């Protein structure tokens, strides 16, 4: 099995703070994103294939979900089946980002 590219919450914060061009995609369901979000593009996991045209190939793409499991599966599938390369799973998802970077994000 291929190793999945991951990015930590602190690495993502640094990327955002430094203005590094990237795309942040939230793979959670709409009701989850309404509860809390990080400002990324919402594409629920079940819609990702039909909305592939919205996923950029010209900048790194960071996928996140609640805890990292859904995003890990999507990153693996998109890299293996659709040839994406600069794609990363946010390790620990939005929960890790809230715990390590932004405690104003309250998901539960």
PDB file of N, CA and C in Angstrom:
ATOM      1  N   UNK A   1       0.840  -1.193   0.000  1.00  0.00           N
ATOM      2  CA  UNK A   1       0.000   0.000   0.000  1.00  0.00           C
ATOM      3  C   UNK A   1       0.880   1.250   0.000  1.00  0.00           C
ATOM      4  N   UNK A   2       0.491   2.230  -0.814  1.00  0.00           N
ATOM      5  CA  UNK A   2       1.246   3.467  -0.939  1.00  0.00           C
ATOM      6  C   UNK A   2       1.124   4.310   0.336  1.00  0.00           C
ATOM      7  N   UNK A   3       2.217   4.952   0.706  1.00  0.00           N
ATOM      8  CA  UNK A   3       2.193   5.841   1.860  1.00  0.00           C
ATOM      9  C   UNK A   3       1.445   7.117   1.468  1.00  0.00           C
ATOM     10  N   UNK A   4       0.543   7.537   2.319  1.00  0.00           N
ATOM     11  CA  UNK A   4      -0.266   8.724   2.060  1.00  0.00           C
ATOM     12  C   UNK A   4       0.490   9.968   2.527  1.00  0.00           C
ATOM     13  N   UNK A   5       0.515  10.985   1.688  1.00  0.00           N
ATOM     14  CA  UNK A   5       1.108  12.254   2.095  1.00  0.00           C
ATOM     15  C   UNK A   5       0.242  12.864   3.180  1.00  0.00           C
ATOM     16  N   UNK A   6       0.879  13.281   4.261  1.00  0.00           N
ATOM     17  CA  UNK A   6       0.147  13.912   5.348  1.00  0.00           C
ATOM     18  C   UNK A   6       0.774  15.252   5.681  1.00  0.00           C
ATOM     19  N   UNK A   7      -0.035  16.108   6.263  1.00  0.00           N
ATOM     20  CA  UNK A   7       0.427  17.394   6.759  1.00  0.00           C
ATOM     21  C   UNK A   7      -0.136  17.530   8.168  1.00  0.00           C
ATOM     22  N   UNK A   8       0.645  18.071   9.073  1.00  0.00           N
ATOM     23  CA  UNK A   8       0.155  18.259  10.443  1.00  0.00           C
ATOM     24  C   UNK A   8      -0.604  19.574  10.542  1.00  0.00           C
ATOM     25  N   UNK A   9      -1.341  19.726  11.609  1.00  0.00           N
ATOM     26  CA  UNK A   9      -2.082  20.967  11.843  1.00  0.00           C
ATOM     27  C   UNK A   9      -1.129  22.162  11.905  1.00  0.00           C
ATOM     28  N   UNK A  10       0.006  21.991  12.552  1.00  0.00           N
ATOM     29  CA  UNK A  10       0.972  23.087  12.662  1.00  0.00           C
ATOM     30  C   UNK A  10       1.591  23.425  11.311  1.00  0.00           C
ATOM     31  N   UNK A  11       1.844  22.415  10.489  1.00  0.00           N
ATOM     32  CA  UNK A  11       2.366  22.662   9.145  1.00  0.00           C
ATOM     33  C   UNK A  11       1.340  23.420   8.294  1.00  0.00           C
ATOM     34  N   UNK A  12       0.063  23.045   8.424  1.00  0.00           N
ATOM     35  CA  UNK A  12      -0.985  23.750   7.679  1.00  0.00           C
ATOM     36  C   UNK A  12      -1.096  25.192   8.151  1.00  0.00           C
ATOM     37  N   UNK A  13      -1.022  25.405   9.443  1.00  0.00           N
ATOM     38  CA  UNK A  13      -1.083  26.787   9.955  1.00  0.00           C
ATOM     39  C   UNK A  13       0.068  27.611   9.379  1.00  0.00           C
ATOM     40  N   UNK A  14       1.268  27.035   9.360  1.00  0.00           N
ATOM     41  CA  UNK A  14       2.430  27.733   8.818  1.00  0.00           C
ATOM     42  C   UNK A  14       2.207  28.067   7.340  1.00  0.00           C
ATOM     43  N   UNK A  15       1.672  27.116   6.609  1.00  0.00           N
ATOM     44  CA  UNK A  15       1.376  27.307   5.197  1.00  0.00           C
ATOM     45  C   UNK A  15       0.399  28.476   5.010  1.00  0.00           C
ATOM     46  N   UNK A  16      -0.642  28.491   5.826  1.00  0.00           N
ATOM     47  CA  UNK A  16      -1.652  29.547   5.741  1.00  0.00           C
ATOM     48  C   UNK A  16      -1.064  30.895   6.155  1.00  0.00           C
ATOM     49  N   UNK A  17      -0.309  30.904   7.258  1.00  0.00           N
ATOM     50  CA  UNK A  17       0.296  32.144   7.748  1.00  0.00           C
ATOM     51  C   UNK A  17       1.272  32.733   6.741  1.00  0.00           C
ATOM     52  N   UNK A  18       2.006  31.860   6.047  1.00  0.00           N
ATOM     53  CA  UNK A  18       3.013  32.302   5.076  1.00  0.00           C
ATOM     54  C   UNK A  18       2.413  32.627   3.710  1.00  0.00           C
ATOM     55  N   UNK A  19       1.112  32.415   3.557  1.00  0.00           N
ATOM     56  CA  UNK A  19       0.452  32.712   2.290  1.00  0.00           C
ATOM     57  C   UNK A  19       0.843  31.772   1.164  1.00  0.00           C
ATOM     58  N   UNK A  20       1.215  30.546   1.515  1.00  0.00           N
ATOM     59  CA  UNK A  20       1.572  29.560   0.496  1.00  0.00           C
ATOM     60  C   UNK A  20       0.300  29.165  -0.263  1.00  0.00           C
ATOM     61  N   UNK A  21       0.290  29.313  -1.582  1.00  0.00           N
ATOM     62  CA  UNK A  21      -0.905  28.933  -2.344  1.00  0.00           C
ATOM     63  C   UNK A  21      -1.245  27.458  -2.125  1.00  0.00           C
ATOM     64  N   UNK A  22      -2.508  27.203  -1.815  1.00  0.00           N
ATOM     65  CA  UNK A  22      -2.990  25.836  -1.622  1.00  0.00           C
ATOM     66  C   UNK A  22      -4.512  25.850  -1.680  1.00  0.00           C
ATOM     67  N   UNK A  23      -5.076  24.670  -1.749  1.00  0.00           N
ATOM     68  CA  UNK A  23      -6.531  24.533  -1.698  1.00  0.00           C
ATOM     69  C   UNK A  23      -6.858  23.648  -0.505  1.00  0.00           C
ATOM     70  N   UNK A  24      -7.782  24.098   0.315  1.00  0.00           N
ATOM     71  CA  UNK A  24      -8.242  23.330   1.476  1.00  0.00           C
ATOM     72  C   UNK A  24      -9.636  22.805   1.155  1.00  0.00           C
ATOM     73  N   UNK A  25      -9.798  21.487   1.244  1.00  0.00           N
ATOM     74  CA  UNK A  25     -11.091  20.867   0.951  1.00  0.00           C
ATOM     75  C   UNK A  25     -11.586  20.114   2.180  1.00  0.00           C
ATOM     76  N   UNK A  26     -12.806  20.424   2.570  1.00  0.00           N
ATOM     77  CA  UNK A  26     -13.488  19.806   3.707  1.00  0.00           C
ATOM     78  C   UNK A  26     -14.351  18.677   3.159  1.00  0.00           C
ATOM     79  N   UNK A  27     -14.056  17.457   3.559  1.00  0.00           N
ATOM     80  CA  UNK A  27     -14.768  16.276   3.052  1.00  0.00           C
ATOM     81  C   UNK A  27     -15.939  15.850   3.935  1.00  0.00           C
ATOM     82  N   UNK A  28     -16.212  16.624   4.963  1.00  0.00           N
ATOM     83  CA  UNK A  28     -17.298  16.251   5.871  1.00  0.00           C
ATOM     84  C   UNK A  28     -18.653  16.560   5.244  1.00  0.00           C
ATOM     85  N   UNK A  29     -19.688  16.104   5.890  1.00  0.00           N
ATOM     86  CA  UNK A  29     -21.049  16.371   5.435  1.00  0.00           C
ATOM     87  C   UNK A  29     -21.425  17.817   5.767  1.00  0.00           C
ATOM     88  N   UNK A  30     -22.426  18.335   5.065  1.00  0.00           N
ATOM     89  CA  UNK A  30     -22.861  19.720   5.247  1.00  0.00           C
ATOM     90  C   UNK A  30     -23.190  20.031   6.699  1.00  0.00           C
ATOM     91  N   UNK A  31     -23.908  19.134   7.377  1.00  0.00           N
ATOM     92  CA  UNK A  31     -24.287  19.403   8.766  1.00  0.00           C
ATOM     93  C   UNK A  31     -23.057  19.496   9.672  1.00  0.00           C
ATOM     94  N   UNK A  32     -21.993  18.774   9.350  1.00  0.00           N
ATOM     95  CA  UNK A  32     -20.763  18.849  10.139  1.00  0.00           C
ATOM     96  C   UNK A  32     -20.069  20.191   9.909  1.00  0.00           C
ATOM     97  N   UNK A  33     -20.025  20.626   8.661  1.00  0.00           N
ATOM     98  CA  UNK A  33     -19.374  21.890   8.323  1.00  0.00           C
ATOM     99  C   UNK A  33     -20.138  23.085   8.891  1.00  0.00           C
ATOM    100  N   UNK A  34     -21.448  22.948   9.016  1.00  0.00           N
ATOM    101  CA  UNK A  34     -22.249  24.028   9.597  1.00  0.00           C
ATOM    102  C   UNK A  34     -21.927  24.204  11.072  1.00  0.00           C
ATOM    103  N   UNK A  35     -21.539  23.124  11.730  1.00  0.00           N
ATOM    104  CA  UNK A  35     -21.204  23.144  13.146  1.00  0.00           C
ATOM    105  C   UNK A  35     -19.865  23.851  13.390  1.00  0.00           C
ATOM    106  N   UNK A  36     -18.891  23.556  12.534  1.00  0.00           N
ATOM    107  CA  UNK A  36     -17.565  24.150  12.658  1.00  0.00           C
ATOM    108  C   UNK A  36     -16.831  23.955  11.345  1.00  0.00           C
ATOM    109  N   UNK A  37     -15.975  24.920  10.992  1.00  0.00           N
ATOM    110  CA  UNK A  37     -15.200  24.750   9.767  1.00  0.00           C
ATOM    111  C   UNK A  37     -13.943  25.590   9.808  1.00  0.00           C
ATOM    112  N   UNK A  38     -13.071  25.337   8.829  1.00  0.00           N
ATOM    113  CA  UNK A  38     -11.789  26.029   8.726  1.00  0.00           C
ATOM    114  C   UNK A  38     -11.749  26.916   7.490  1.00  0.00           C
ATOM    115  N   UNK A  39     -12.883  27.080   6.821  1.00  0.00           N
ATOM    116  CA  UNK A  39     -12.943  27.956   5.665  1.00  0.00           C
ATOM    117  C   UNK A  39     -12.572  27.312   4.346  1.00  0.00           C
ATOM    118  N   UNK A  40     -12.497  26.010   4.307  1.00  0.00           N
ATOM    119  CA  UNK A  40     -12.163  25.336   3.059  1.00  0.00           C
ATOM    120  C   UNK A  40     -13.391  25.129   2.176  1.00  0.00           C
ATOM    121  N   UNK A  41     -13.154  24.630   0.978  1.00  0.00           N
ATOM    122  CA  UNK A  41     -14.226  24.289   0.050  1.00  0.00           C
ATOM    123  C   UNK A  41     -14.894  23.005   0.536  1.00  0.00           C
ATOM    124  N   UNK A  42     -16.201  23.030   0.719  1.00  0.00           N
ATOM    125  CA  UNK A  42     -16.933  21.848   1.180  1.00  0.00           C
ATOM    126  C   UNK A  42     -17.292  20.955   0.003  1.00  0.00           C
ATOM    127  N   UNK A  43     -16.711  19.773  -0.011  1.00  0.00           N
ATOM    128  CA  UNK A  43     -17.083  18.731  -0.976  1.00  0.00           C
ATOM    129  C   UNK A  43     -17.236  17.443  -0.164  1.00  0.00           C
ATOM    130  N   UNK A  44     -18.449  17.098   0.257  1.00  0.00           N
ATOM    131  CA  UNK A  44     -18.620  15.875   1.029  1.00  0.00           C
ATOM    132  C   UNK A  44     -18.003  14.661   0.315  1.00  0.00           C
ATOM    133  N   UNK A  45     -17.465  13.748   1.092  1.00  0.00           N
ATOM    134  CA  UNK A  45     -16.749  12.587   0.551  1.00  0.00           C
ATOM    135  C   UNK A  45     -17.537  11.888  -0.554  1.00  0.00           C
ATOM    136  N   UNK A  46     -18.818  11.735  -0.387  1.00  0.00           N
ATOM    137  CA  UNK A  46     -19.646  11.043  -1.366  1.00  0.00           C
ATOM    138  C   UNK A  46     -19.809  11.780  -2.684  1.00  0.00           C
ATOM    139  N   UNK A  47     -19.416  13.056  -2.732  1.00  0.00           N
ATOM    140  CA  UNK A  47     -19.556  13.859  -3.944  1.00  0.00           C
ATOM    141  C   UNK A  47     -18.219  14.111  -4.644  1.00  0.00           C
ATOM    142  N   UNK A  48     -17.124  13.638  -4.071  1.00  0.00           N
ATOM    143  CA  UNK A  48     -15.802  14.028  -4.570  1.00  0.00           C
ATOM    144  C   UNK A  48     -15.579  13.625  -6.026  1.00  0.00           C
ATOM    145  N   UNK A  49     -16.000  12.449  -6.434  1.00  0.00           N
ATOM    146  CA  UNK A  49     -15.746  12.008  -7.808  1.00  0.00           C
ATOM    147  C   UNK A  49     -16.516  12.878  -8.807  1.00  0.00           C
ATOM    148  N   UNK A  50     -17.777  13.154  -8.524  1.00  0.00           N
ATOM    149  CA  UNK A  50     -18.561  13.976  -9.454  1.00  0.00           C
ATOM    150  C   UNK A  50     -18.133  15.445  -9.439  1.00  0.00           C
ATOM    151  N   UNK A  51     -17.358  15.839  -8.435  1.00  0.00           N
ATOM    152  CA  UNK A  51     -16.908  17.231  -8.348  1.00  0.00           C
ATOM    153  C   UNK A  51     -15.391  17.367  -8.515  1.00  0.00           C
ATOM    154  N   UNK A  52     -14.771  16.353  -9.116  1.00  0.00           N
ATOM    155  CA  UNK A  52     -13.317  16.374  -9.322  1.00  0.00           C
ATOM    156  C   UNK A  52     -12.840  17.625 -10.047  1.00  0.00           C
ATOM    157  N   UNK A  53     -13.674  18.176 -10.926  1.00  0.00           N
ATOM    158  CA  UNK A  53     -13.299  19.379 -11.669  1.00  0.00           C
ATOM    159  C   UNK A  53     -13.035  20.573 -10.751  1.00  0.00           C
ATOM    160  N   UNK A  54     -13.489  20.500  -9.491  1.00  0.00           N
ATOM    161  CA  UNK A  54     -13.273  21.580  -8.535  1.00  0.00           C
ATOM    162  C   UNK A  54     -11.959  21.431  -7.762  1.00  0.00           C
ATOM    163  N   UNK A  55     -11.325  20.268  -7.900  1.00  0.00           N
ATOM    164  CA  UNK A  55     -10.079  20.004  -7.186  1.00  0.00           C
ATOM    165  C   UNK A  55      -8.917  20.486  -8.043  1.00  0.00           C
ATOM    166  N   UNK A  56      -8.151  21.393  -7.495  1.00  0.00           N
ATOM    167  CA  UNK A  56      -7.063  22.008  -8.265  1.00  0.00           C
ATOM    168  C   UNK A  56      -5.874  21.058  -8.412  1.00  0.00           C
ATOM    169  N   UNK A  57      -5.172  21.206  -9.511  1.00  0.00           N
ATOM    170  CA  UNK A  57      -3.955  20.434  -9.754  1.00  0.00           C
ATOM    171  C   UNK A  57      -2.726  21.337  -9.798  1.00  0.00           C
ATOM    172  N   UNK A  58      -2.938  22.646  -9.732  1.00  0.00           N
ATOM    173  CA  UNK A  58      -1.834  23.593  -9.862  1.00  0.00           C
ATOM    174  C   UNK A  58      -1.245  24.056  -8.537  1.00  0.00           C
ATOM    175  N   UNK A  59      -1.849  23.663  -7.431  1.00  0.00           N
ATOM    176  CA  UNK A  59      -1.351  24.005  -6.091  1.00  0.00           C
ATOM    177  C   UNK A  59      -1.526  22.777  -5.195  1.00  0.00           C
ATOM    178  N   UNK A  60      -0.793  22.710  -4.068  1.00  0.00           N
ATOM    179  CA  UNK A  60      -1.034  21.617  -3.134  1.00  0.00           C
ATOM    180  C   UNK A  60      -2.481  21.641  -2.631  1.00  0.00           C
ATOM    181  N   UNK A  61      -3.051  20.463  -2.488  1.00  0.00           N
ATOM    182  CA  UNK A  61      -4.427  20.329  -2.005  1.00  0.00           C
ATOM    183  C   UNK A  61      -4.380  19.618  -0.658  1.00  0.00           C
ATOM    184  N   UNK A  62      -4.983  20.241   0.354  1.00  0.00           N
ATOM    185  CA  UNK A  62      -5.064  19.645   1.686  1.00  0.00           C
ATOM    186  C   UNK A  62      -6.511  19.228   1.912  1.00  0.00           C
ATOM    187  N   UNK A  63      -6.707  17.930   2.117  1.00  0.00           N
ATOM    188  CA  UNK A  63      -8.036  17.380   2.394  1.00  0.00           C
ATOM    189  C   UNK A  63      -8.176  17.184   3.900  1.00  0.00           C
ATOM    190  N   UNK A  64      -9.352  17.520   4.412  1.00  0.00           N
ATOM    191  CA  UNK A  64      -9.574  17.234   5.834  1.00  0.00           C
ATOM    192  C   UNK A  64     -10.996  16.757   6.060  1.00  0.00           C
ATOM    193  N   UNK A  65     -11.134  16.037   7.149  1.00  0.00           N
ATOM    194  CA  UNK A  65     -12.440  15.587   7.622  1.00  0.00           C
ATOM    195  C   UNK A  65     -12.435  15.820   9.129  1.00  0.00           C
ATOM    196  N   UNK A  66     -13.189  15.045   9.863  1.00  0.00           N
ATOM    197  CA  UNK A  66     -13.248  15.252  11.307  1.00  0.00           C
ATOM    198  C   UNK A  66     -11.964  14.800  11.991  1.00  0.00           C
ATOM    199  N   UNK A  67     -11.544  13.552  11.697  1.00  0.00           N
ATOM    200  CA  UNK A  67     -10.381  13.002  12.404  1.00  0.00           C
ATOM    201  C   UNK A  67      -9.266  12.508  11.494  1.00  0.00           C
ATOM    202  N   UNK A  68      -9.488  12.527  10.195  1.00  0.00           N
ATOM    203  CA  UNK A  68      -8.444  12.132   9.257  1.00  0.00           C
ATOM    204  C   UNK A  68      -8.701  10.868   8.473  1.00  0.00           C
ATOM    205  N   UNK A  69      -9.639  10.031   8.892  1.00  0.00           N
ATOM    206  CA  UNK A  69      -9.870   8.745   8.223  1.00  0.00           C
ATOM    207  C   UNK A  69     -10.453   8.900   6.823  1.00  0.00           C
ATOM    208  N   UNK A  70     -11.500   9.703   6.684  1.00  0.00           N
ATOM    209  CA  UNK A  70     -12.113   9.904   5.363  1.00  0.00           C
ATOM    210  C   UNK A  70     -11.128  10.570   4.414  1.00  0.00           C
ATOM    211  N   UNK A  71     -10.436  11.580   4.898  1.00  0.00           N
ATOM    212  CA  UNK A  71      -9.496  12.301   4.042  1.00  0.00           C
ATOM    213  C   UNK A  71      -8.365  11.381   3.591  1.00  0.00           C
ATOM    214  N   UNK A  72      -7.897  10.526   4.469  1.00  0.00           N
ATOM    215  CA  UNK A  72      -6.834   9.597   4.096  1.00  0.00           C
ATOM    216  C   UNK A  72      -7.291   8.702   2.952  1.00  0.00           C
ATOM    217  N   UNK A  73      -8.503   8.185   3.039  1.00  0.00           N
ATOM    218  CA  UNK A  73      -9.038   7.311   1.987  1.00  0.00           C
ATOM    219  C   UNK A  73      -9.195   8.060   0.673  1.00  0.00           C
ATOM    220  N   UNK A  74      -9.674   9.298   0.731  1.00  0.00           N
ATOM    221  CA  UNK A  74      -9.885  10.089  -0.486  1.00  0.00           C
ATOM    222  C   UNK A  74      -8.548  10.446  -1.130  1.00  0.00           C
ATOM    223  N   UNK A  75      -7.582  10.878  -0.326  1.00  0.00           N
ATOM    224  CA  UNK A  75      -6.261  11.214  -0.868  1.00  0.00           C
ATOM    225  C   UNK A  75      -5.661  10.004  -1.575  1.00  0.00           C
ATOM    226  N   UNK A  76      -5.743   8.851  -0.941  1.00  0.00           N
ATOM    227  CA  UNK A  76      -5.199   7.632  -1.542  1.00  0.00           C
ATOM    228  C   UNK A  76      -5.888   7.323  -2.867  1.00  0.00           C
ATOM    229  N   UNK A  77      -7.199   7.388  -2.885  1.00  0.00           N
ATOM    230  CA  UNK A  77      -7.952   7.074  -4.107  1.00  0.00           C
ATOM    231  C   UNK A  77      -7.653   8.069  -5.231  1.00  0.00           C
ATOM    232  N   UNK A  78      -7.629   9.354  -4.921  1.00  0.00           N
ATOM    233  CA  UNK A  78      -7.403  10.351  -5.960  1.00  0.00           C
ATOM    234  C   UNK A  78      -5.985  10.283  -6.523  1.00  0.00           C
ATOM    235  N   UNK A  79      -5.022   9.983  -5.679  1.00  0.00           N
ATOM    236  CA  UNK A  79      -3.640   9.857  -6.159  1.00  0.00           C
ATOM    237  C   UNK A  79      -3.468   8.597  -7.008  1.00  0.00           C
ATOM    238  N   UNK A  80      -4.041   7.505  -6.559  1.00  0.00           N
ATOM    239  CA  UNK A  80      -3.862   6.236  -7.272  1.00  0.00           C
ATOM    240  C   UNK A  80      -4.702   6.145  -8.537  1.00  0.00           C
ATOM    241  N   UNK A  81      -5.943   6.599  -8.484  1.00  0.00           N
ATOM    242  CA  UNK A  81      -6.858   6.400  -9.614  1.00  0.00           C
ATOM    243  C   UNK A  81      -6.949   7.575 -10.573  1.00  0.00           C
ATOM    244  N   UNK A  82      -6.649   8.779 -10.080  1.00  0.00           N
ATOM    245  CA  UNK A  82      -6.864   9.964 -10.912  1.00  0.00           C
ATOM    246  C   UNK A  82      -5.593  10.787 -11.125  1.00  0.00           C
ATOM    247  N   UNK A  83      -4.467  10.272 -10.667  1.00  0.00           N
ATOM    248  CA  UNK A  83      -3.186  10.894 -10.959  1.00  0.00           C
ATOM    249  C   UNK A  83      -2.861  12.182 -10.223  1.00  0.00           C
ATOM    250  N   UNK A  84      -3.560  12.469  -9.140  1.00  0.00           N
ATOM    251  CA  UNK A  84      -3.205  13.646  -8.341  1.00  0.00           C
ATOM    252  C   UNK A  84      -1.892  13.362  -7.621  1.00  0.00           C
ATOM    253  N   UNK A  85      -1.096  14.405  -7.405  1.00  0.00           N
ATOM    254  CA  UNK A  85       0.178  14.175  -6.727  1.00  0.00           C
ATOM    255  C   UNK A  85       0.379  15.081  -5.513  1.00  0.00           C
ATOM    256  N   UNK A  86       0.172  16.369  -5.656  1.00  0.00           N
ATOM    257  CA  UNK A  86       0.398  17.294  -4.543  1.00  0.00           C
ATOM    258  C   UNK A  86      -0.849  17.368  -3.673  1.00  0.00           C
ATOM    259  N   UNK A  87      -1.172  16.242  -3.060  1.00  0.00           N
ATOM    260  CA  UNK A  87      -2.391  16.121  -2.268  1.00  0.00           C
ATOM    261  C   UNK A  87      -2.036  15.581  -0.889  1.00  0.00           C
ATOM    262  N   UNK A  88      -2.615  16.188   0.145  1.00  0.00           N
ATOM    263  CA  UNK A  88      -2.248  15.853   1.515  1.00  0.00           C
ATOM    264  C   UNK A  88      -3.477  15.638   2.387  1.00  0.00           C
ATOM    265  N   UNK A  89      -3.352  14.707   3.309  1.00  0.00           N
ATOM    266  CA  UNK A  89      -4.349  14.464   4.339  1.00  0.00           C
ATOM    267  C   UNK A  89      -3.939  15.276   5.567  1.00  0.00           C
ATOM    268  N   UNK A  90      -4.868  16.060   6.116  1.00  0.00           N
ATOM    269  CA  UNK A  90      -4.596  16.757   7.375  1.00  0.00           C
ATOM    270  C   UNK A  90      -4.661  15.723   8.493  1.00  0.00           C
ATOM    271  N   UNK A  91      -3.495  15.367   9.028  1.00  0.00           N
ATOM    272  CA  UNK A  91      -3.423  14.334  10.063  1.00  0.00           C
ATOM    273  C   UNK A  91      -4.242  14.758  11.288  1.00  0.00           C
ATOM    274  N   UNK A  92      -5.199  13.931  11.662  1.00  0.00           N
ATOM    275  CA  UNK A  92      -6.044  14.217  12.816  1.00  0.00           C
ATOM    276  C   UNK A  92      -7.248  15.092  12.503  1.00  0.00           C
ATOM    277  N   UNK A  93      -7.349  15.552  11.248  1.00  0.00           N
ATOM    278  CA  UNK A  93      -8.513  16.308  10.805  1.00  0.00           C
ATOM    279  C   UNK A  93      -8.719  17.632  11.517  1.00  0.00           C
ATOM    280  N   UNK A  94      -9.948  18.110  11.435  1.00  0.00           N
ATOM    281  CA  UNK A  94     -10.278  19.396  12.045  1.00  0.00           C
ATOM    282  C   UNK A  94     -10.153  19.339  13.567  1.00  0.00           C
ATOM    283  N   UNK A  95     -10.316  18.155  14.143  1.00  0.00           N
ATOM    284  CA  UNK A  95     -10.160  18.035  15.593  1.00  0.00           C
ATOM    285  C   UNK A  95      -8.728  18.346  16.012  1.00  0.00           C
ATOM    286  N   UNK A  96      -7.757  17.870  15.241  1.00  0.00           N
ATOM    287  CA  UNK A  96      -6.351  18.160  15.538  1.00  0.00           C
ATOM    288  C   UNK A  96      -6.063  19.645  15.342  1.00  0.00           C
ATOM    289  N   UNK A  97      -6.612  20.231  14.277  1.00  0.00           N
ATOM    290  CA  UNK A  97      -6.397  21.653  14.012  1.00  0.00           C
ATOM    291  C   UNK A  97      -6.971  22.495  15.159  1.00  0.00           C
ATOM    292  N   UNK A  98      -8.157  22.125  15.618  1.00  0.00           N
ATOM    293  CA  UNK A  98      -8.779  22.850  16.725  1.00  0.00           C
ATOM    294  C   UNK A  98      -7.951  22.715  18.006  1.00  0.00           C
ATOM    295  N   UNK A  99      -7.436  21.523  18.263  1.00  0.00           N
ATOM    296  CA  UNK A  99      -6.672  21.273  19.482  1.00  0.00           C
ATOM    297  C   UNK A  99      -5.283  21.914  19.452  1.00  0.00           C
ATOM    298  N   UNK A 100      -4.639  21.895  18.288  1.00  0.00           N
ATOM    299  CA  UNK A 100      -3.246  22.329  18.204  1.00  0.00           C
ATOM    300  C   UNK A 100      -3.054  23.759  17.708  1.00  0.00           C
ATOM    301  N   UNK A 101      -4.048  24.295  16.985  1.00  0.00           N
ATOM    302  CA  UNK A 101      -3.851  25.590  16.323  1.00  0.00           C
ATOM    303  C   UNK A 101      -4.892  26.629  16.721  1.00  0.00           C
ATOM    304  N   UNK A 102      -6.170  26.280  16.662  1.00  0.00           N
ATOM    305  CA  UNK A 102      -7.232  27.271  16.814  1.00  0.00           C
ATOM    306  C   UNK A 102      -8.313  26.765  17.764  1.00  0.00           C
ATOM    307  N   UNK A 103      -8.173  27.117  19.024  1.00  0.00           N
ATOM    308  CA  UNK A 103      -9.133  26.605  20.029  1.00  0.00           C
ATOM    309  C   UNK A 103     -10.498  27.302  19.947  1.00  0.00           C
ATOM    310  N   UNK A 104     -10.669  28.240  19.013  1.00  0.00           N
ATOM    311  CA  UNK A 104     -12.005  28.830  18.832  1.00  0.00           C
ATOM    312  C   UNK A 104     -12.893  27.908  17.994  1.00  0.00           C
ATOM    313  N   UNK A 105     -12.285  26.918  17.333  1.00  0.00           N
ATOM    314  CA  UNK A 105     -13.058  25.959  16.559  1.00  0.00           C
ATOM    315  C   UNK A 105     -13.612  24.924  17.538  1.00  0.00           C
ATOM    316  N   UNK A 106     -14.926  24.893  17.657  1.00  0.00           N
ATOM    317  CA  UNK A 106     -15.599  23.964  18.564  1.00  0.00           C
ATOM    318  C   UNK A 106     -16.521  23.075  17.755  1.00  0.00           C
ATOM    319  N   UNK A 107     -16.137  21.805  17.569  1.00  0.00           N
ATOM    320  CA  UNK A 107     -16.906  20.895  16.717  1.00  0.00           C
ATOM    321  C   UNK A 107     -17.878  20.017  17.483  1.00  0.00           C
ATOM    322  N   UNK A 108     -17.652  19.833  18.749  1.00  0.00           N
ATOM    323  CA  UNK A 108     -18.523  18.899  19.502  1.00  0.00           C
ATOM    324  C   UNK A 108     -19.405  19.616  20.476  1.00  0.00           C
TER     325      UNK A 108
END
